[in-house]
């Protein structure tokens, strides 16, 4: 595998992660109206700003960016799972 192929693979993975973050952001926003104040604050102060930051910096794709996006996807998926559990109990 040459350097160009590796770079293209990293960029492809990064783009998939960025797309997943966009989808998760839309899903979370649908459920936030039922969420607690703490959940809304966590979203507004910690997670949504990071999604916006990742989407902006994705143009400078590299391995570190891919790892950061993967980590953020996991955090947002965890938040969304927690949020869905809270809103369905209401």
PDB file of N, CA and C in Angstrom:
ATOM      1  N   UNK A   1       0.853  -1.173   0.000  1.00  0.00           N
ATOM      2  CA  UNK A   1       0.000   0.000   0.000  1.00  0.00           C
ATOM      3  C   UNK A   1       0.901   1.238   0.000  1.00  0.00           C
ATOM      4  N   UNK A   2       0.672   2.142  -0.938  1.00  0.00           N
ATOM      5  CA  UNK A   2       1.509   3.331  -1.006  1.00  0.00           C
ATOM      6  C   UNK A   2       0.911   4.459  -0.163  1.00  0.00           C
ATOM      7  N   UNK A   3       1.678   5.525  -0.019  1.00  0.00           N
ATOM      8  CA  UNK A   3       1.269   6.649   0.834  1.00  0.00           C
ATOM      9  C   UNK A   3      -0.023   7.296   0.338  1.00  0.00           C
ATOM     10  N   UNK A   4      -0.181   7.367  -0.983  1.00  0.00           N
ATOM     11  CA  UNK A   4      -1.393   7.983  -1.531  1.00  0.00           C
ATOM     12  C   UNK A   4      -2.624   7.169  -1.172  1.00  0.00           C
ATOM     13  N   UNK A   5      -2.535   5.847  -1.265  1.00  0.00           N
ATOM     14  CA  UNK A   5      -3.657   4.979  -0.926  1.00  0.00           C
ATOM     15  C   UNK A   5      -3.992   5.089   0.556  1.00  0.00           C
ATOM     16  N   UNK A   6      -2.976   5.120   1.387  1.00  0.00           N
ATOM     17  CA  UNK A   6      -3.196   5.256   2.832  1.00  0.00           C
ATOM     18  C   UNK A   6      -3.903   6.576   3.131  1.00  0.00           C
ATOM     19  N   UNK A   7      -3.429   7.650   2.500  1.00  0.00           N
ATOM     20  CA  UNK A   7      -4.041   8.963   2.730  1.00  0.00           C
ATOM     21  C   UNK A   7      -5.500   8.963   2.280  1.00  0.00           C
ATOM     22  N   UNK A   8      -5.780   8.339   1.142  1.00  0.00           N
ATOM     23  CA  UNK A   8      -7.161   8.264   0.653  1.00  0.00           C
ATOM     24  C   UNK A   8      -8.034   7.436   1.589  1.00  0.00           C
ATOM     25  N   UNK A   9      -7.480   6.346   2.133  1.00  0.00           N
ATOM     26  CA  UNK A   9      -8.231   5.516   3.078  1.00  0.00           C
ATOM     27  C   UNK A   9      -8.559   6.299   4.350  1.00  0.00           C
ATOM     28  N   UNK A  10      -7.586   7.040   4.847  1.00  0.00           N
ATOM     29  CA  UNK A  10      -7.799   7.851   6.055  1.00  0.00           C
ATOM     30  C   UNK A  10      -8.866   8.907   5.781  1.00  0.00           C
ATOM     31  N   UNK A  11      -8.781   9.555   4.625  1.00  0.00           N
ATOM     32  CA  UNK A  11      -9.763  10.584   4.268  1.00  0.00           C
ATOM     33  C   UNK A  11     -11.165   9.976   4.150  1.00  0.00           C
ATOM     34  N   UNK A  12     -11.271   8.778   3.568  1.00  0.00           N
ATOM     35  CA  UNK A  12     -12.565   8.102   3.440  1.00  0.00           C
ATOM     36  C   UNK A  12     -13.143   7.799   4.818  1.00  0.00           C
ATOM     37  N   UNK A  13     -12.311   7.256   5.713  1.00  0.00           N
ATOM     38  CA  UNK A  13     -12.768   6.964   7.081  1.00  0.00           C
ATOM     39  C   UNK A  13     -13.192   8.232   7.793  1.00  0.00           C
ATOM     40  N   UNK A  14     -12.419   9.285   7.618  1.00  0.00           N
ATOM     41  CA  UNK A  14     -12.730  10.561   8.252  1.00  0.00           C
ATOM     42  C   UNK A  14     -14.069  11.086   7.750  1.00  0.00           C
ATOM     43  N   UNK A  15     -14.287  11.026   6.444  1.00  0.00           N
ATOM     44  CA  UNK A  15     -15.550  11.502   5.886  1.00  0.00           C
ATOM     45  C   UNK A  15     -16.738  10.692   6.400  1.00  0.00           C
ATOM     46  N   UNK A  16     -16.574   9.382   6.552  1.00  0.00           N
ATOM     47  CA  UNK A  16     -17.647   8.549   7.106  1.00  0.00           C
ATOM     48  C   UNK A  16     -17.966   8.977   8.537  1.00  0.00           C
ATOM     49  N   UNK A  17     -16.922   9.242   9.316  1.00  0.00           N
ATOM     50  CA  UNK A  17     -17.130   9.688  10.693  1.00  0.00           C
ATOM     51  C   UNK A  17     -17.832  11.025  10.754  1.00  0.00           C
ATOM     52  N   UNK A  18     -17.434  11.951   9.880  1.00  0.00           N
ATOM     53  CA  UNK A  18     -18.069  13.269   9.839  1.00  0.00           C
ATOM     54  C   UNK A  18     -19.535  13.135   9.440  1.00  0.00           C
ATOM     55  N   UNK A  19     -19.838  12.278   8.474  1.00  0.00           N
ATOM     56  CA  UNK A  19     -21.232  12.045   8.084  1.00  0.00           C
ATOM     57  C   UNK A  19     -22.027  11.467   9.245  1.00  0.00           C
ATOM     58  N   UNK A  20     -21.434  10.521   9.983  1.00  0.00           N
ATOM     59  CA  UNK A  20     -22.108   9.908  11.136  1.00  0.00           C
ATOM     60  C   UNK A  20     -22.383  10.960  12.208  1.00  0.00           C
ATOM     61  N   UNK A  21     -21.424  11.863  12.425  1.00  0.00           N
ATOM     62  CA  UNK A  21     -21.632  12.929  13.406  1.00  0.00           C
ATOM     63  C   UNK A  21     -22.796  13.819  13.009  1.00  0.00           C
ATOM     64  N   UNK A  22     -22.920  14.124  11.728  1.00  0.00           N
ATOM     65  CA  UNK A  22     -24.039  14.938  11.266  1.00  0.00           C
ATOM     66  C   UNK A  22     -25.369  14.254  11.508  1.00  0.00           C
ATOM     67  N   UNK A  23     -25.428  12.973  11.220  1.00  0.00           N
ATOM     68  CA  UNK A  23     -26.646  12.191  11.453  1.00  0.00           C
ATOM     69  C   UNK A  23     -26.978  12.146  12.941  1.00  0.00           C
ATOM     70  N   UNK A  24     -25.963  11.872  13.758  1.00  0.00           N
ATOM     71  CA  UNK A  24     -26.193  11.827  15.206  1.00  0.00           C
ATOM     72  C   UNK A  24     -26.665  13.179  15.732  1.00  0.00           C
ATOM     73  N   UNK A  25     -26.056  14.260  15.233  1.00  0.00           N
ATOM     74  CA  UNK A  25     -26.458  15.588  15.691  1.00  0.00           C
ATOM     75  C   UNK A  25     -27.944  15.801  15.398  1.00  0.00           C
ATOM     76  N   UNK A  26     -28.404  15.429  14.208  1.00  0.00           N
ATOM     77  CA  UNK A  26     -29.810  15.589  13.862  1.00  0.00           C
ATOM     78  C   UNK A  26     -30.710  14.755  14.769  1.00  0.00           C
ATOM     79  N   UNK A  27     -30.301  13.520  15.055  1.00  0.00           N
ATOM     80  CA  UNK A  27     -31.095  12.641  15.913  1.00  0.00           C
ATOM     81  C   UNK A  27     -31.150  13.161  17.348  1.00  0.00           C
ATOM     82  N   UNK A  28     -30.019  13.640  17.850  1.00  0.00           N
ATOM     83  CA  UNK A  28     -29.979  14.170  19.209  1.00  0.00           C
ATOM     84  C   UNK A  28     -30.895  15.382  19.326  1.00  0.00           C
ATOM     85  N   UNK A  29     -30.831  16.274  18.347  1.00  0.00           N
ATOM     86  CA  UNK A  29     -31.660  17.476  18.413  1.00  0.00           C
ATOM     87  C   UNK A  29     -33.154  17.135  18.442  1.00  0.00           C
ATOM     88  N   UNK A  30     -33.542  16.049  17.781  1.00  0.00           N
ATOM     89  CA  UNK A  30     -34.946  15.632  17.820  1.00  0.00           C
ATOM     90  C   UNK A  30     -35.369  15.224  19.235  1.00  0.00           C
ATOM     91  N   UNK A  31     -34.454  14.666  19.995  1.00  0.00           N
ATOM     92  CA  UNK A  31     -34.785  14.166  21.331  1.00  0.00           C
ATOM     93  C   UNK A  31     -34.501  15.164  22.448  1.00  0.00           C
ATOM     94  N   UNK A  32     -33.782  16.228  22.159  1.00  0.00           N
ATOM     95  CA  UNK A  32     -33.397  17.161  23.218  1.00  0.00           C
ATOM     96  C   UNK A  32     -34.577  17.865  23.874  1.00  0.00           C
ATOM     97  N   UNK A  33     -35.644  18.063  23.164  1.00  0.00           N
ATOM     98  CA  UNK A  33     -36.768  18.777  23.769  1.00  0.00           C
ATOM     99  C   UNK A  33     -37.373  18.005  24.944  1.00  0.00           C
ATOM    100  N   UNK A  34     -37.140  16.707  25.005  1.00  0.00           N
ATOM    101  CA  UNK A  34     -37.632  15.901  26.124  1.00  0.00           C
ATOM    102  C   UNK A  34     -36.577  15.692  27.210  1.00  0.00           C
ATOM    103  N   UNK A  35     -35.381  16.175  26.959  1.00  0.00           N
ATOM    104  CA  UNK A  35     -34.250  15.880  27.838  1.00  0.00           C
ATOM    105  C   UNK A  35     -34.221  16.779  29.065  1.00  0.00           C
ATOM    106  N   UNK A  36     -33.431  16.348  30.016  1.00  0.00           N
ATOM    107  CA  UNK A  36     -33.240  17.135  31.232  1.00  0.00           C
ATOM    108  C   UNK A  36     -32.353  18.339  30.935  1.00  0.00           C
ATOM    109  N   UNK A  37     -32.347  19.285  31.843  1.00  0.00           N
ATOM    110  CA  UNK A  37     -31.504  20.468  31.709  1.00  0.00           C
ATOM    111  C   UNK A  37     -30.023  20.078  31.662  1.00  0.00           C
ATOM    112  N   UNK A  38     -29.620  19.092  32.463  1.00  0.00           N
ATOM    113  CA  UNK A  38     -28.227  18.643  32.459  1.00  0.00           C
ATOM    114  C   UNK A  38     -27.828  18.081  31.100  1.00  0.00           C
ATOM    115  N   UNK A  39     -28.715  17.314  30.489  1.00  0.00           N
ATOM    116  CA  UNK A  39     -28.424  16.747  29.177  1.00  0.00           C
ATOM    117  C   UNK A  39     -28.306  17.851  28.140  1.00  0.00           C
ATOM    118  N   UNK A  40     -29.198  18.823  28.184  1.00  0.00           N
ATOM    119  CA  UNK A  40     -29.140  19.944  27.242  1.00  0.00           C
ATOM    120  C   UNK A  40     -27.842  20.726  27.414  1.00  0.00           C
ATOM    121  N   UNK A  41     -27.451  20.934  28.662  1.00  0.00           N
ATOM    122  CA  UNK A  41     -26.217  21.669  28.934  1.00  0.00           C
ATOM    123  C   UNK A  41     -24.996  20.894  28.427  1.00  0.00           C
ATOM    124  N   UNK A  42     -24.964  19.583  28.648  1.00  0.00           N
ATOM    125  CA  UNK A  42     -23.851  18.767  28.150  1.00  0.00           C
ATOM    126  C   UNK A  42     -23.763  18.865  26.633  1.00  0.00           C
ATOM    127  N   UNK A  43     -24.909  18.794  25.974  1.00  0.00           N
ATOM    128  CA  UNK A  43     -24.941  18.883  24.512  1.00  0.00           C
ATOM    129  C   UNK A  43     -24.446  20.255  24.047  1.00  0.00           C
ATOM    130  N   UNK A  44     -25.024  21.305  24.612  1.00  0.00           N
ATOM    131  CA  UNK A  44     -24.703  22.665  24.173  1.00  0.00           C
ATOM    132  C   UNK A  44     -23.255  23.061  24.445  1.00  0.00           C
ATOM    133  N   UNK A  45     -22.714  22.629  25.582  1.00  0.00           N
ATOM    134  CA  UNK A  45     -21.383  23.089  25.978  1.00  0.00           C
ATOM    135  C   UNK A  45     -20.246  22.156  25.582  1.00  0.00           C
ATOM    136  N   UNK A  46     -20.527  20.855  25.463  1.00  0.00           N
ATOM    137  CA  UNK A  46     -19.436  19.907  25.250  1.00  0.00           C
ATOM    138  C   UNK A  46     -19.470  19.216  23.898  1.00  0.00           C
ATOM    139  N   UNK A  47     -20.613  18.730  23.496  1.00  0.00           N
ATOM    140  CA  UNK A  47     -20.650  17.861  22.316  1.00  0.00           C
ATOM    141  C   UNK A  47     -20.888  18.606  21.003  1.00  0.00           C
ATOM    142  N   UNK A  48     -21.926  19.413  20.933  1.00  0.00           N
ATOM    143  CA  UNK A  48     -22.200  20.078  19.654  1.00  0.00           C
ATOM    144  C   UNK A  48     -21.044  20.971  19.197  1.00  0.00           C
ATOM    145  N   UNK A  49     -20.407  21.735  20.083  1.00  0.00           N
ATOM    146  CA  UNK A  49     -19.260  22.530  19.619  1.00  0.00           C
ATOM    147  C   UNK A  49     -18.131  21.662  19.045  1.00  0.00           C
ATOM    148  N   UNK A  50     -17.920  20.484  19.619  1.00  0.00           N
ATOM    149  CA  UNK A  50     -16.882  19.580  19.107  1.00  0.00           C
ATOM    150  C   UNK A  50     -17.250  19.045  17.721  1.00  0.00           C
ATOM    151  N   UNK A  51     -18.543  18.761  17.498  1.00  0.00           N
ATOM    152  CA  UNK A  51     -18.970  18.309  16.173  1.00  0.00           C
ATOM    153  C   UNK A  51     -18.682  19.398  15.143  1.00  0.00           C
ATOM    154  N   UNK A  52     -19.059  20.614  15.463  1.00  0.00           N
ATOM    155  CA  UNK A  52     -18.820  21.724  14.541  1.00  0.00           C
ATOM    156  C   UNK A  52     -17.324  21.896  14.266  1.00  0.00           C
ATOM    157  N   UNK A  53     -16.524  21.772  15.310  1.00  0.00           N
ATOM    158  CA  UNK A  53     -15.072  21.880  15.177  1.00  0.00           C
ATOM    159  C   UNK A  53     -14.516  20.773  14.278  1.00  0.00           C
ATOM    160  N   UNK A  54     -14.981  19.555  14.476  1.00  0.00           N
ATOM    161  CA  UNK A  54     -14.508  18.422  13.668  1.00  0.00           C
ATOM    162  C   UNK A  54     -14.885  18.601  12.204  1.00  0.00           C
ATOM    163  N   UNK A  55     -16.090  19.048  11.961  1.00  0.00           N
ATOM    164  CA  UNK A  55     -16.518  19.235  10.579  1.00  0.00           C
ATOM    165  C   UNK A  55     -15.673  20.315   9.895  1.00  0.00           C
ATOM    166  N   UNK A  56     -15.326  21.349  10.633  1.00  0.00           N
ATOM    167  CA  UNK A  56     -14.508  22.419  10.073  1.00  0.00           C
ATOM    168  C   UNK A  56     -13.081  21.975   9.802  1.00  0.00           C
ATOM    169  N   UNK A  57     -12.525  21.171  10.687  1.00  0.00           N
ATOM    170  CA  UNK A  57     -11.128  20.777  10.543  1.00  0.00           C
ATOM    171  C   UNK A  57     -10.927  19.532   9.687  1.00  0.00           C
ATOM    172  N   UNK A  58     -12.002  18.926   9.221  1.00  0.00           N
ATOM    173  CA  UNK A  58     -11.897  17.690   8.442  1.00  0.00           C
ATOM    174  C   UNK A  58     -11.157  17.889   7.123  1.00  0.00           C
ATOM    175  N   UNK A  59     -11.101  19.118   6.647  1.00  0.00           N
ATOM    176  CA  UNK A  59     -10.408  19.378   5.396  1.00  0.00           C
ATOM    177  C   UNK A  59      -8.911  19.102   5.522  1.00  0.00           C
ATOM    178  N   UNK A  60      -8.386  19.141   6.716  1.00  0.00           N
ATOM    179  CA  UNK A  60      -6.966  18.879   6.948  1.00  0.00           C
ATOM    180  C   UNK A  60      -6.818  17.468   7.500  1.00  0.00           C
ATOM    181  N   UNK A  61      -7.347  16.519   6.748  1.00  0.00           N
ATOM    182  CA  UNK A  61      -7.439  15.137   7.202  1.00  0.00           C
ATOM    183  C   UNK A  61      -6.071  14.531   7.444  1.00  0.00           C
ATOM    184  N   UNK A  62      -6.007  13.814   8.511  1.00  0.00           N
ATOM    185  CA  UNK A  62      -4.829  13.048   8.858  1.00  0.00           C
ATOM    186  C   UNK A  62      -5.233  11.969   9.834  1.00  0.00           C
ATOM    187  N   UNK A  63      -4.283  11.148  10.214  1.00  0.00           N
ATOM    188  CA  UNK A  63      -4.585  10.048  11.123  1.00  0.00           C
ATOM    189  C   UNK A  63      -5.097  10.563  12.464  1.00  0.00           C
ATOM    190  N   UNK A  64      -4.511  11.649  12.960  1.00  0.00           N
ATOM    191  CA  UNK A  64      -4.968  12.198  14.237  1.00  0.00           C
ATOM    192  C   UNK A  64      -6.413  12.670  14.138  1.00  0.00           C
ATOM    193  N   UNK A  65      -6.777  13.247  12.999  1.00  0.00           N
ATOM    194  CA  UNK A  65      -8.159  13.688  12.792  1.00  0.00           C
ATOM    195  C   UNK A  65      -9.107  12.498  12.787  1.00  0.00           C
ATOM    196  N   UNK A  66      -8.703  11.418  12.148  1.00  0.00           N
ATOM    197  CA  UNK A  66      -9.541  10.224  12.078  1.00  0.00           C
ATOM    198  C   UNK A  66      -9.775   9.669  13.479  1.00  0.00           C
ATOM    199  N   UNK A  67      -8.731   9.619  14.272  1.00  0.00           N
ATOM    200  CA  UNK A  67      -8.852   9.117  15.646  1.00  0.00           C
ATOM    201  C   UNK A  67      -9.760  10.036  16.461  1.00  0.00           C
ATOM    202  N   UNK A  68      -9.597  11.335  16.299  1.00  0.00           N
ATOM    203  CA  UNK A  68     -10.421  12.287  17.043  1.00  0.00           C
ATOM    204  C   UNK A  68     -11.894  12.166  16.646  1.00  0.00           C
ATOM    205  N   UNK A  69     -12.157  12.001  15.362  1.00  0.00           N
ATOM    206  CA  UNK A  69     -13.544  11.848  14.900  1.00  0.00           C
ATOM    207  C   UNK A  69     -14.138  10.554  15.429  1.00  0.00           C
ATOM    208  N   UNK A  70     -13.378   9.475  15.371  1.00  0.00           N
ATOM    209  CA  UNK A  70     -13.859   8.191  15.884  1.00  0.00           C
ATOM    210  C   UNK A  70     -14.210   8.298  17.362  1.00  0.00           C
ATOM    211  N   UNK A  71     -13.355   8.966  18.127  1.00  0.00           N
ATOM    212  CA  UNK A  71     -13.615   9.160  19.557  1.00  0.00           C
ATOM    213  C   UNK A  71     -14.876   9.989  19.774  1.00  0.00           C
ATOM    214  N   UNK A  72     -15.027  11.057  19.010  1.00  0.00           N
ATOM    215  CA  UNK A  72     -16.204  11.908  19.169  1.00  0.00           C
ATOM    216  C   UNK A  72     -17.478  11.181  18.761  1.00  0.00           C
ATOM    217  N   UNK A  73     -17.423  10.371  17.713  1.00  0.00           N
ATOM    218  CA  UNK A  73     -18.595   9.570  17.314  1.00  0.00           C
ATOM    219  C   UNK A  73     -19.021   8.683  18.476  1.00  0.00           C
ATOM    220  N   UNK A  74     -18.063   8.034  19.123  1.00  0.00           N
ATOM    221  CA  UNK A  74     -18.392   7.164  20.267  1.00  0.00           C
ATOM    222  C   UNK A  74     -19.025   7.966  21.404  1.00  0.00           C
ATOM    223  N   UNK A  75     -18.485   9.147  21.684  1.00  0.00           N
ATOM    224  CA  UNK A  75     -19.032   9.980  22.765  1.00  0.00           C
ATOM    225  C   UNK A  75     -20.454  10.427  22.451  1.00  0.00           C
ATOM    226  N   UNK A  76     -20.688  10.845  21.208  1.00  0.00           N
ATOM    227  CA  UNK A  76     -22.024  11.313  20.827  1.00  0.00           C
ATOM    228  C   UNK A  76     -23.004  10.147  20.785  1.00  0.00           C
ATOM    229  N   UNK A  77     -22.565   8.985  20.308  1.00  0.00           N
ATOM    230  CA  UNK A  77     -23.439   7.807  20.326  1.00  0.00           C
ATOM    231  C   UNK A  77     -23.814   7.438  21.756  1.00  0.00           C
ATOM    232  N   UNK A  78     -22.864   7.518  22.680  1.00  0.00           N
ATOM    233  CA  UNK A  78     -23.155   7.238  24.083  1.00  0.00           C
ATOM    234  C   UNK A  78     -24.139   8.244  24.662  1.00  0.00           C
ATOM    235  N   UNK A  79     -23.939   9.521  24.349  1.00  0.00           N
ATOM    236  CA  UNK A  79     -24.844  10.561  24.808  1.00  0.00           C
ATOM    237  C   UNK A  79     -26.244  10.331  24.250  1.00  0.00           C
ATOM    238  N   UNK A  80     -26.306  10.005  22.958  1.00  0.00           N
ATOM    239  CA  UNK A  80     -27.600   9.775  22.311  1.00  0.00           C
ATOM    240  C   UNK A  80     -28.315   8.573  22.925  1.00  0.00           C
ATOM    241  N   UNK A  81     -27.578   7.513  23.206  1.00  0.00           N
ATOM    242  CA  UNK A  81     -28.180   6.332  23.840  1.00  0.00           C
ATOM    243  C   UNK A  81     -28.726   6.694  25.218  1.00  0.00           C
ATOM    244  N   UNK A  82     -27.954   7.472  25.962  1.00  0.00           N
ATOM    245  CA  UNK A  82     -28.398   7.916  27.290  1.00  0.00           C
ATOM    246  C   UNK A  82     -29.626   8.798  27.169  1.00  0.00           C
ATOM    247  N   UNK A  83     -29.626   9.688  26.178  1.00  0.00           N
ATOM    248  CA  UNK A  83     -30.736  10.607  25.955  1.00  0.00           C
ATOM    249  C   UNK A  83     -31.996   9.849  25.573  1.00  0.00           C
ATOM    250  N   UNK A  84     -31.868   8.871  24.710  1.00  0.00           N
ATOM    251  CA  UNK A  84     -33.024   8.077  24.296  1.00  0.00           C
ATOM    252  C   UNK A  84     -33.594   7.294  25.468  1.00  0.00           C
ATOM    253  N   UNK A  85     -32.736   6.802  26.336  1.00  0.00           N
ATOM    254  CA  UNK A  85     -33.192   6.078  27.519  1.00  0.00           C
ATOM    255  C   UNK A  85     -33.963   6.990  28.464  1.00  0.00           C
ATOM    256  N   UNK A  86     -33.514   8.231  28.584  1.00  0.00           N
ATOM    257  CA  UNK A  86     -34.175   9.215  29.445  1.00  0.00           C
ATOM    258  C   UNK A  86     -35.505   9.629  28.866  1.00  0.00           C
ATOM    259  N   UNK A  87     -35.550   9.920  27.555  1.00  0.00           N
ATOM    260  CA  UNK A  87     -36.780  10.433  26.971  1.00  0.00           C
ATOM    261  C   UNK A  87     -37.856   9.367  26.859  1.00  0.00           C
ATOM    262  N   UNK A  88     -37.459   8.106  26.706  1.00  0.00           N
ATOM    263  CA  UNK A  88     -38.473   7.061  26.619  1.00  0.00           C
ATOM    264  C   UNK A  88     -39.058   6.708  27.980  1.00  0.00           C
ATOM    265  N   UNK A  89     -38.362   7.086  29.050  1.00  0.00           N
ATOM    266  CA  UNK A  89     -38.866   6.833  30.393  1.00  0.00           C
ATOM    267  C   UNK A  89     -39.855   7.896  30.835  1.00  0.00           C
ATOM    268  N   UNK A  90     -39.918   9.027  30.092  1.00  0.00           N
ATOM    269  CA  UNK A  90     -40.809  10.120  30.453  1.00  0.00           C
ATOM    270  C   UNK A  90     -42.250   9.810  30.143  1.00  0.00           C
TER     271      UNK A  90
END
